Amino acid sequence: SFWYGLFPLVTRQWLAYSLYRGEMNLRAAT
């Protein structure tokens, strides 16, 4: 129920957060 009912609803937002944090990590890595 989590994999087919809830996970598809949050995947796009999780990916957006991960990409956003990737950009911030690039700044922090410097």
PDB file of all heavy atoms in Angstrom:
ATOM      1  N   SER A   1       0.831  -1.214   0.000  1.00  0.00           N
ATOM      2  CA  SER A   1       0.000   0.000   0.000  1.00  0.00           C
ATOM      3  C   SER A   1       0.863   1.260   0.000  1.00  0.00           C
ATOM      4  O   SER A   1       0.498   2.267  -0.623  1.00  0.00           O
ATOM      5  CB  SER A   1      -0.924  -0.002   1.210  1.00  0.00           C
ATOM      6  OG  SER A   1      -0.170  -0.017   2.417  1.00  0.00           O
ATOM      7  N   PHE A   2       2.015   1.200   0.690  1.00  0.00           N
ATOM      8  CA  PHE A   2       2.918   2.357   0.653  1.00  0.00           C
ATOM      9  C   PHE A   2       3.541   2.506  -0.733  1.00  0.00           C
ATOM     10  O   PHE A   2       3.608   3.615  -1.279  1.00  0.00           O
ATOM     11  CB  PHE A   2       4.023   2.197   1.703  1.00  0.00           C
ATOM     12  CG  PHE A   2       5.123   3.208   1.594  1.00  0.00           C
ATOM     13  CD1 PHE A   2       4.966   4.484   2.117  1.00  0.00           C
ATOM     14  CD2 PHE A   2       6.317   2.914   0.947  1.00  0.00           C
ATOM     15  CE1 PHE A   2       5.970   5.433   2.005  1.00  0.00           C
ATOM     16  CE2 PHE A   2       7.327   3.849   0.824  1.00  0.00           C
ATOM     17  CZ  PHE A   2       7.149   5.108   1.358  1.00  0.00           C
ATOM     18  N   TRP A   3       4.001   1.395  -1.316  1.00  0.00           N
ATOM     19  CA  TRP A   3       4.736   1.455  -2.578  1.00  0.00           C
ATOM     20  C   TRP A   3       3.843   1.906  -3.734  1.00  0.00           C
ATOM     21  O   TRP A   3       4.289   2.666  -4.600  1.00  0.00           O
ATOM     22  CB  TRP A   3       5.340   0.082  -2.882  1.00  0.00           C
ATOM     23  CG  TRP A   3       6.239   0.067  -4.083  1.00  0.00           C
ATOM     24  CD1 TRP A   3       5.968  -0.425  -5.323  1.00  0.00           C
ATOM     25  CD2 TRP A   3       7.557   0.595  -4.151  1.00  0.00           C
ATOM     26  NE1 TRP A   3       7.032  -0.247  -6.160  1.00  0.00           N
ATOM     27  CE2 TRP A   3       8.028   0.377  -5.462  1.00  0.00           C
ATOM     28  CE3 TRP A   3       8.393   1.229  -3.242  1.00  0.00           C
ATOM     29  CZ2 TRP A   3       9.293   0.777  -5.876  1.00  0.00           C
ATOM     30  CZ3 TRP A   3       9.653   1.610  -3.651  1.00  0.00           C
ATOM     31  CH2 TRP A   3      10.091   1.389  -4.955  1.00  0.00           C
ATOM     32  N   TYR A   4       2.580   1.472  -3.743  1.00  0.00           N
ATOM     33  CA  TYR A   4       1.705   1.790  -4.861  1.00  0.00           C
ATOM     34  C   TYR A   4       0.710   2.915  -4.544  1.00  0.00           C
ATOM     35  O   TYR A   4       0.162   3.516  -5.467  1.00  0.00           O
ATOM     36  CB  TYR A   4       0.914   0.538  -5.288  1.00  0.00           C
ATOM     37  CG  TYR A   4       1.795  -0.545  -5.847  1.00  0.00           C
ATOM     38  CD1 TYR A   4       2.100  -1.668  -5.090  1.00  0.00           C
ATOM     39  CD2 TYR A   4       2.333  -0.444  -7.131  1.00  0.00           C
ATOM     40  CE1 TYR A   4       2.912  -2.674  -5.591  1.00  0.00           C
ATOM     41  CE2 TYR A   4       3.152  -1.435  -7.643  1.00  0.00           C
ATOM     42  CZ  TYR A   4       3.445  -2.551  -6.866  1.00  0.00           C
ATOM     43  OH  TYR A   4       4.257  -3.530  -7.360  1.00  0.00           O
ATOM     44  N   GLY A   5       0.504   3.210  -3.261  1.00  0.00           N
ATOM     45  CA  GLY A   5      -0.480   4.223  -2.920  1.00  0.00           C
ATOM     46  C   GLY A   5       0.085   5.549  -2.478  1.00  0.00           C
ATOM     47  O   GLY A   5      -0.511   6.599  -2.730  1.00  0.00           O
ATOM     48  N   LEU A   6       1.247   5.527  -1.796  1.00  0.00           N
ATOM     49  CA  LEU A   6       1.808   6.757  -1.255  1.00  0.00           C
ATOM     50  C   LEU A   6       3.083   7.183  -1.967  1.00  0.00           C
ATOM     51  O   LEU A   6       3.297   8.375  -2.218  1.00  0.00           O
ATOM     52  CB  LEU A   6       2.081   6.576   0.245  1.00  0.00           C
ATOM     53  CG  LEU A   6       2.448   7.837   1.039  1.00  0.00           C
ATOM     54  CD1 LEU A   6       1.356   8.890   0.920  1.00  0.00           C
ATOM     55  CD2 LEU A   6       2.687   7.491   2.504  1.00  0.00           C
ATOM     56  N   PHE A   7       3.929   6.217  -2.292  1.00  0.00           N
ATOM     57  CA  PHE A   7       5.220   6.555  -2.885  1.00  0.00           C
ATOM     58  C   PHE A   7       5.092   7.321  -4.206  1.00  0.00           C
ATOM     59  O   PHE A   7       5.838   8.285  -4.432  1.00  0.00           O
ATOM     60  CB  PHE A   7       6.046   5.279  -3.084  1.00  0.00           C
ATOM     61  CG  PHE A   7       7.442   5.522  -3.561  1.00  0.00           C
ATOM     62  CD1 PHE A   7       8.403   6.059  -2.712  1.00  0.00           C
ATOM     63  CD2 PHE A   7       7.806   5.227  -4.869  1.00  0.00           C
ATOM     64  CE1 PHE A   7       9.691   6.292  -3.156  1.00  0.00           C
ATOM     65  CE2 PHE A   7       9.093   5.460  -5.322  1.00  0.00           C
ATOM     66  CZ  PHE A   7      10.034   5.993  -4.461  1.00  0.00           C
ATOM     67  N   PRO A   8       4.176   6.951  -5.114  1.00  0.00           N
ATOM     68  CA  PRO A   8       4.061   7.734  -6.359  1.00  0.00           C
ATOM     69  C   PRO A   8       3.681   9.195  -6.128  1.00  0.00           C
ATOM     70  O   PRO A   8       3.991  10.057  -6.958  1.00  0.00           O
ATOM     71  CB  PRO A   8       2.969   6.995  -7.142  1.00  0.00           C
ATOM     72  CG  PRO A   8       2.983   5.607  -6.603  1.00  0.00           C
ATOM     73  CD  PRO A   8       3.304   5.757  -5.150  1.00  0.00           C
ATOM     74  N   LEU A   9       3.003   9.495  -5.005  1.00  0.00           N
ATOM     75  CA  LEU A   9       2.576  10.866  -4.752  1.00  0.00           C
ATOM     76  C   LEU A   9       3.726  11.761  -4.296  1.00  0.00           C
ATOM     77  O   LEU A   9       3.661  12.981  -4.461  1.00  0.00           O
ATOM     78  CB  LEU A   9       1.482  10.877  -3.680  1.00  0.00           C
ATOM     79  CG  LEU A   9       0.196  10.104  -3.998  1.00  0.00           C
ATOM     80  CD1 LEU A   9      -0.765  10.183  -2.826  1.00  0.00           C
ATOM     81  CD2 LEU A   9      -0.453  10.647  -5.264  1.00  0.00           C
ATOM     82  N   VAL A  10       4.762  11.165  -3.695  1.00  0.00           N
ATOM     83  CA  VAL A  10       5.852  11.959  -3.125  1.00  0.00           C
ATOM     84  C   VAL A  10       7.137  11.870  -3.935  1.00  0.00           C
ATOM     85  O   VAL A  10       8.096  12.585  -3.647  1.00  0.00           O
ATOM     86  CB  VAL A  10       6.132  11.519  -1.672  1.00  0.00           C
ATOM     87  CG1 VAL A  10       4.903  11.715  -0.806  1.00  0.00           C
ATOM     88  CG2 VAL A  10       6.592  10.066  -1.616  1.00  0.00           C
ATOM     89  N   THR A  11       7.187  11.016  -4.946  1.00  0.00           N
ATOM     90  CA  THR A  11       8.432  10.801  -5.689  1.00  0.00           C
ATOM     91  C   THR A  11       8.921  12.092  -6.332  1.00  0.00           C
ATOM     92  O   THR A  11      10.120  12.431  -6.250  1.00  0.00           O
ATOM     93  CB  THR A  11       8.227   9.723  -6.774  1.00  0.00           C
ATOM     94  OG1 THR A  11       7.778   8.525  -6.156  1.00  0.00           O
ATOM     95  CG2 THR A  11       9.533   9.452  -7.502  1.00  0.00           C
ATOM     96  N   ARG A  12       8.022  12.811  -6.972  1.00  0.00           N
ATOM     97  CA  ARG A  12       8.411  14.033  -7.685  1.00  0.00           C
ATOM     98  C   ARG A  12       8.969  15.077  -6.715  1.00  0.00           C
ATOM     99  O   ARG A  12       9.987  15.715  -6.990  1.00  0.00           O
ATOM    100  CB  ARG A  12       7.207  14.603  -8.439  1.00  0.00           C
ATOM    101  CG  ARG A  12       7.530  15.804  -9.305  1.00  0.00           C
ATOM    102  CD  ARG A  12       6.286  16.271 -10.045  1.00  0.00           C
ATOM    103  NE  ARG A  12       6.570  17.413 -10.872  1.00  0.00           N
ATOM    104  CZ  ARG A  12       7.023  17.366 -12.109  1.00  0.00           C
ATOM    105  NH1 ARG A  12       7.279  16.192 -12.664  1.00  0.00           N
ATOM    106  NH2 ARG A  12       7.244  18.459 -12.808  1.00  0.00           N
ATOM    107  N   GLN A  13       8.330  15.233  -5.558  1.00  0.00           N
ATOM    108  CA  GLN A  13       8.796  16.204  -4.574  1.00  0.00           C
ATOM    109  C   GLN A  13      10.127  15.774  -3.975  1.00  0.00           C
ATOM    110  O   GLN A  13      11.016  16.602  -3.745  1.00  0.00           O
ATOM    111  CB  GLN A  13       7.740  16.365  -3.475  1.00  0.00           C
ATOM    112  CG  GLN A  13       7.999  17.519  -2.521  1.00  0.00           C
ATOM    113  CD  GLN A  13       7.688  18.869  -3.142  1.00  0.00           C
ATOM    114  OE1 GLN A  13       7.316  18.925  -4.307  1.00  0.00           O
ATOM    115  NE2 GLN A  13       7.861  19.927  -2.386  1.00  0.00           N
ATOM    116  N   TRP A  14      10.297  14.491  -3.709  1.00  0.00           N
ATOM    117  CA  TRP A  14      11.570  13.999  -3.169  1.00  0.00           C
ATOM    118  C   TRP A  14      12.704  14.231  -4.156  1.00  0.00           C
ATOM    119  O   TRP A  14      13.808  14.609  -3.771  1.00  0.00           O
ATOM    120  CB  TRP A  14      11.455  12.509  -2.844  1.00  0.00           C
ATOM    121  CG  TRP A  14      10.684  12.235  -1.593  1.00  0.00           C
ATOM    122  CD1 TRP A  14      10.006  13.147  -0.831  1.00  0.00           C
ATOM    123  CD2 TRP A  14      10.505  10.968  -0.956  1.00  0.00           C
ATOM    124  NE1 TRP A  14       9.411  12.528   0.238  1.00  0.00           N
ATOM    125  CE2 TRP A  14       9.690  11.189   0.190  1.00  0.00           C
ATOM    126  CE3 TRP A  14      10.925   9.683  -1.235  1.00  0.00           C
ATOM    127  CZ2 TRP A  14       9.320  10.159   1.054  1.00  0.00           C
ATOM    128  CZ3 TRP A  14      10.544   8.647  -0.385  1.00  0.00           C
ATOM    129  CH2 TRP A  14       9.766   8.892   0.751  1.00  0.00           C
ATOM    130  N   LEU A  15      12.425  13.996  -5.440  1.00  0.00           N
ATOM    131  CA  LEU A  15      13.452  14.216  -6.453  1.00  0.00           C
ATOM    132  C   LEU A  15      13.808  15.700  -6.531  1.00  0.00           C
ATOM    133  O   LEU A  15      14.981  16.068  -6.666  1.00  0.00           O
ATOM    134  CB  LEU A  15      12.961  13.709  -7.810  1.00  0.00           C
ATOM    135  CG  LEU A  15      13.940  13.867  -8.988  1.00  0.00           C
ATOM    136  CD1 LEU A  15      15.237  13.131  -8.709  1.00  0.00           C
ATOM    137  CD2 LEU A  15      13.308  13.366 -10.278  1.00  0.00           C
ATOM    138  N   ALA A  16      12.806  16.555  -6.428  1.00  0.00           N
ATOM    139  CA  ALA A  16      13.060  17.996  -6.466  1.00  0.00           C
ATOM    140  C   ALA A  16      13.916  18.431  -5.280  1.00  0.00           C
ATOM    141  O   ALA A  16      14.863  19.207  -5.426  1.00  0.00           O
ATOM    142  CB  ALA A  16      11.738  18.761  -6.476  1.00  0.00           C
ATOM    143  N   TYR A  17      13.591  17.922  -4.090  1.00  0.00           N
ATOM    144  CA  TYR A  17      14.391  18.249  -2.914  1.00  0.00           C
ATOM    145  C   TYR A  17      15.829  17.747  -3.063  1.00  0.00           C
ATOM    146  O   TYR A  17      16.780  18.425  -2.683  1.00  0.00           O
ATOM    147  CB  TYR A  17      13.765  17.636  -1.659  1.00  0.00           C
ATOM    148  CG  TYR A  17      12.659  18.454  -1.058  1.00  0.00           C
ATOM    149  CD1 TYR A  17      11.422  17.875  -0.768  1.00  0.00           C
ATOM    150  CD2 TYR A  17      12.846  19.800  -0.758  1.00  0.00           C
ATOM    151  CE1 TYR A  17      10.400  18.620  -0.200  1.00  0.00           C
ATOM    152  CE2 TYR A  17      11.825  20.551  -0.194  1.00  0.00           C
ATOM    153  CZ  TYR A  17      10.606  19.953   0.075  1.00  0.00           C
ATOM    154  OH  TYR A  17       9.600  20.702   0.636  1.00  0.00           O
ATOM    155  N   SER A  18      16.003  16.556  -3.601  1.00  0.00           N
ATOM    156  CA  SER A  18      17.349  15.990  -3.753  1.00  0.00           C
ATOM    157  C   SER A  18      18.183  16.806  -4.731  1.00  0.00           C
ATOM    158  O   SER A  18      19.370  17.063  -4.495  1.00  0.00           O
ATOM    159  CB  SER A  18      17.255  14.529  -4.218  1.00  0.00           C
ATOM    160  OG  SER A  18      16.555  13.737  -3.276  1.00  0.00           O
ATOM    161  N   LEU A  19      17.567  17.225  -5.834  1.00  0.00           N
ATOM    162  CA  LEU A  19      18.296  18.036  -6.804  1.00  0.00           C
ATOM    163  C   LEU A  19      18.645  19.404  -6.211  1.00  0.00           C
ATOM    164  O   LEU A  19      19.740  19.938  -6.438  1.00  0.00           O
ATOM    165  CB  LEU A  19      17.459  18.208  -8.072  1.00  0.00           C
ATOM    166  CG  LEU A  19      17.256  16.950  -8.916  1.00  0.00           C
ATOM    167  CD1 LEU A  19      16.290  17.223 -10.053  1.00  0.00           C
ATOM    168  CD2 LEU A  19      18.578  16.439  -9.463  1.00  0.00           C
ATOM    169  N   TYR A  20      17.723  19.963  -5.462  1.00  0.00           N
ATOM    170  CA  TYR A  20      17.974  21.253  -4.816  1.00  0.00           C
ATOM    171  C   TYR A  20      19.125  21.144  -3.816  1.00  0.00           C
ATOM    172  O   TYR A  20      20.020  21.989  -3.764  1.00  0.00           O
ATOM    173  CB  TYR A  20      16.683  21.704  -4.132  1.00  0.00           C
ATOM    174  CG  TYR A  20      16.810  22.966  -3.312  1.00  0.00           C
ATOM    175  CD1 TYR A  20      17.456  24.086  -3.811  1.00  0.00           C
ATOM    176  CD2 TYR A  20      16.257  23.041  -2.043  1.00  0.00           C
ATOM    177  CE1 TYR A  20      17.556  25.243  -3.064  1.00  0.00           C
ATOM    178  CE2 TYR A  20      16.343  24.198  -1.289  1.00  0.00           C
ATOM    179  CZ  TYR A  20      17.005  25.293  -1.806  1.00  0.00           C
ATOM    180  OH  TYR A  20      17.104  26.434  -1.059  1.00  0.00           O
ATOM    181  N   ARG A  21      19.118  20.089  -3.017  1.00  0.00           N
ATOM    182  CA  ARG A  21      20.204  19.893  -2.059  1.00  0.00           C
ATOM    183  C   ARG A  21      21.513  19.587  -2.769  1.00  0.00           C
ATOM    184  O   ARG A  21      22.601  19.924  -2.282  1.00  0.00           O
ATOM    185  CB  ARG A  21      19.865  18.765  -1.099  1.00  0.00           C
ATOM    186  CG  ARG A  21      18.789  19.079  -0.105  1.00  0.00           C
ATOM    187  CD  ARG A  21      19.109  20.262   0.752  1.00  0.00           C
ATOM    188  NE  ARG A  21      20.411  20.200   1.391  1.00  0.00           N
ATOM    189  CZ  ARG A  21      20.873  21.097   2.252  1.00  0.00           C
ATOM    190  NH1 ARG A  21      20.135  22.144   2.560  1.00  0.00           N
ATOM    191  NH2 ARG A  21      22.069  20.968   2.791  1.00  0.00           N
ATOM    192  N   GLY A  22      21.461  18.950  -3.941  1.00  0.00           N
ATOM    193  CA  GLY A  22      22.688  18.708  -4.698  1.00  0.00           C
ATOM    194  C   GLY A  22      23.358  20.003  -5.102  1.00  0.00           C
ATOM    195  O   GLY A  22      24.586  20.140  -5.021  1.00  0.00           O
ATOM    196  N   GLU A  23      22.555  20.977  -5.535  1.00  0.00           N
ATOM    197  CA  GLU A  23      23.121  22.282  -5.872  1.00  0.00           C
ATOM    198  C   GLU A  23      23.727  22.955  -4.637  1.00  0.00           C
ATOM    199  O   GLU A  23      24.815  23.548  -4.705  1.00  0.00           O
ATOM    200  CB  GLU A  23      22.016  23.159  -6.457  1.00  0.00           C
ATOM    201  CG  GLU A  23      22.493  24.555  -6.832  1.00  0.00           C
ATOM    202  CD  GLU A  23      21.353  25.468  -7.224  1.00  0.00           C
ATOM    203  OE1 GLU A  23      20.259  24.948  -7.534  1.00  0.00           O
ATOM    204  OE2 GLU A  23      21.539  26.700  -7.202  1.00  0.00           O
ATOM    205  N   MET A  24      23.057  22.856  -3.506  1.00  0.00           N
ATOM    206  CA  MET A  24      23.579  23.467  -2.290  1.00  0.00           C
ATOM    207  C   MET A  24      24.833  22.735  -1.799  1.00  0.00           C
ATOM    208  O   MET A  24      25.751  23.352  -1.252  1.00  0.00           O
ATOM    209  CB  MET A  24      22.491  23.473  -1.207  1.00  0.00           C
ATOM    210  CG  MET A  24      21.254  24.244  -1.613  1.00  0.00           C
ATOM    211  SD  MET A  24      19.972  24.287  -0.350  1.00  0.00           S
ATOM    212  CE  MET A  24      20.677  25.466   0.793  1.00  0.00           C
ATOM    213  N   ASN A  25      24.886  21.422  -1.978  1.00  0.00           N
ATOM    214  CA  ASN A  25      26.083  20.678  -1.597  1.00  0.00           C
ATOM    215  C   ASN A  25      27.280  21.073  -2.454  1.00  0.00           C
ATOM    216  O   ASN A  25      28.422  21.043  -1.974  1.00  0.00           O
ATOM    217  CB  ASN A  25      25.833  19.175  -1.724  1.00  0.00           C
ATOM    218  CG  ASN A  25      25.057  18.618  -0.553  1.00  0.00           C
ATOM    219  OD1 ASN A  25      24.935  19.263   0.479  1.00  0.00           O
ATOM    220  ND2 ASN A  25      24.520  17.422  -0.713  1.00  0.00           N
ATOM    221  N   LEU A  26      27.029  21.428  -3.704  1.00  0.00           N
ATOM    222  CA  LEU A  26      28.128  21.875  -4.547  1.00  0.00           C
ATOM    223  C   LEU A  26      28.721  23.164  -4.009  1.00  0.00           C
ATOM    224  O   LEU A  26      29.947  23.349  -4.013  1.00  0.00           O
ATOM    225  CB  LEU A  26      27.625  22.070  -5.981  1.00  0.00           C
ATOM    226  CG  LEU A  26      28.691  22.373  -7.037  1.00  0.00           C
ATOM    227  CD1 LEU A  26      29.680  21.213  -7.136  1.00  0.00           C
ATOM    228  CD2 LEU A  26      28.051  22.616  -8.385  1.00  0.00           C
ATOM    229  N   ARG A  27      27.886  24.059  -3.525  1.00  0.00           N
ATOM    230  CA  ARG A  27      28.387  25.283  -2.904  1.00  0.00           C
ATOM    231  C   ARG A  27      29.153  24.954  -1.620  1.00  0.00           C
ATOM    232  O   ARG A  27      30.224  25.499  -1.361  1.00  0.00           O
ATOM    233  CB  ARG A  27      27.231  26.229  -2.593  1.00  0.00           C
ATOM    234  CG  ARG A  27      26.504  26.775  -3.798  1.00  0.00           C
ATOM    235  CD  ARG A  27      25.258  27.516  -3.349  1.00  0.00           C
ATOM    236  NE  ARG A  27      24.523  28.074  -4.472  1.00  0.00           N
ATOM    237  CZ  ARG A  27      24.670  29.306  -4.934  1.00  0.00           C
ATOM    238  NH1 ARG A  27      25.548  30.107  -4.380  1.00  0.00           N
ATOM    239  NH2 ARG A  27      23.956  29.747  -5.949  1.00  0.00           N
ATOM    240  N   ALA A  28      28.572  24.059  -0.798  1.00  0.00           N
ATOM    241  CA  ALA A  28      29.211  23.725   0.472  1.00  0.00           C
ATOM    242  C   ALA A  28      30.543  23.007   0.255  1.00  0.00           C
ATOM    243  O   ALA A  28      31.482  23.182   1.042  1.00  0.00           O
ATOM    244  CB  ALA A  28      28.271  22.861   1.310  1.00  0.00           C
ATOM    245  N   ALA A  29      30.644  22.200  -0.805  1.00  0.00           N
ATOM    246  CA  ALA A  29      31.882  21.453  -1.052  1.00  0.00           C
ATOM    247  C   ALA A  29      33.059  22.364  -1.357  1.00  0.00           C
ATOM    248  O   ALA A  29      34.217  21.969  -1.170  1.00  0.00           O
ATOM    249  CB  ALA A  29      31.672  20.470  -2.206  1.00  0.00           C
ATOM    250  N   THR A  30      32.792  23.582  -1.804  1.00  0.00           N
ATOM    251  CA  THR A  30      33.890  24.496  -2.118  1.00  0.00           C
ATOM    252  C   THR A  30      34.567  25.060  -0.879  1.00  0.00           C
ATOM    253  O   THR A  30      35.645  25.642  -0.980  1.00  0.00           O
ATOM    254  CB  THR A  30      33.381  25.670  -2.980  1.00  0.00           C
ATOM    255  OG1 THR A  30      32.375  26.394  -2.252  1.00  0.00           O
ATOM    256  CG2 THR A  30      32.784  25.161  -4.287  1.00  0.00           C
TER     257      THR A  30
END
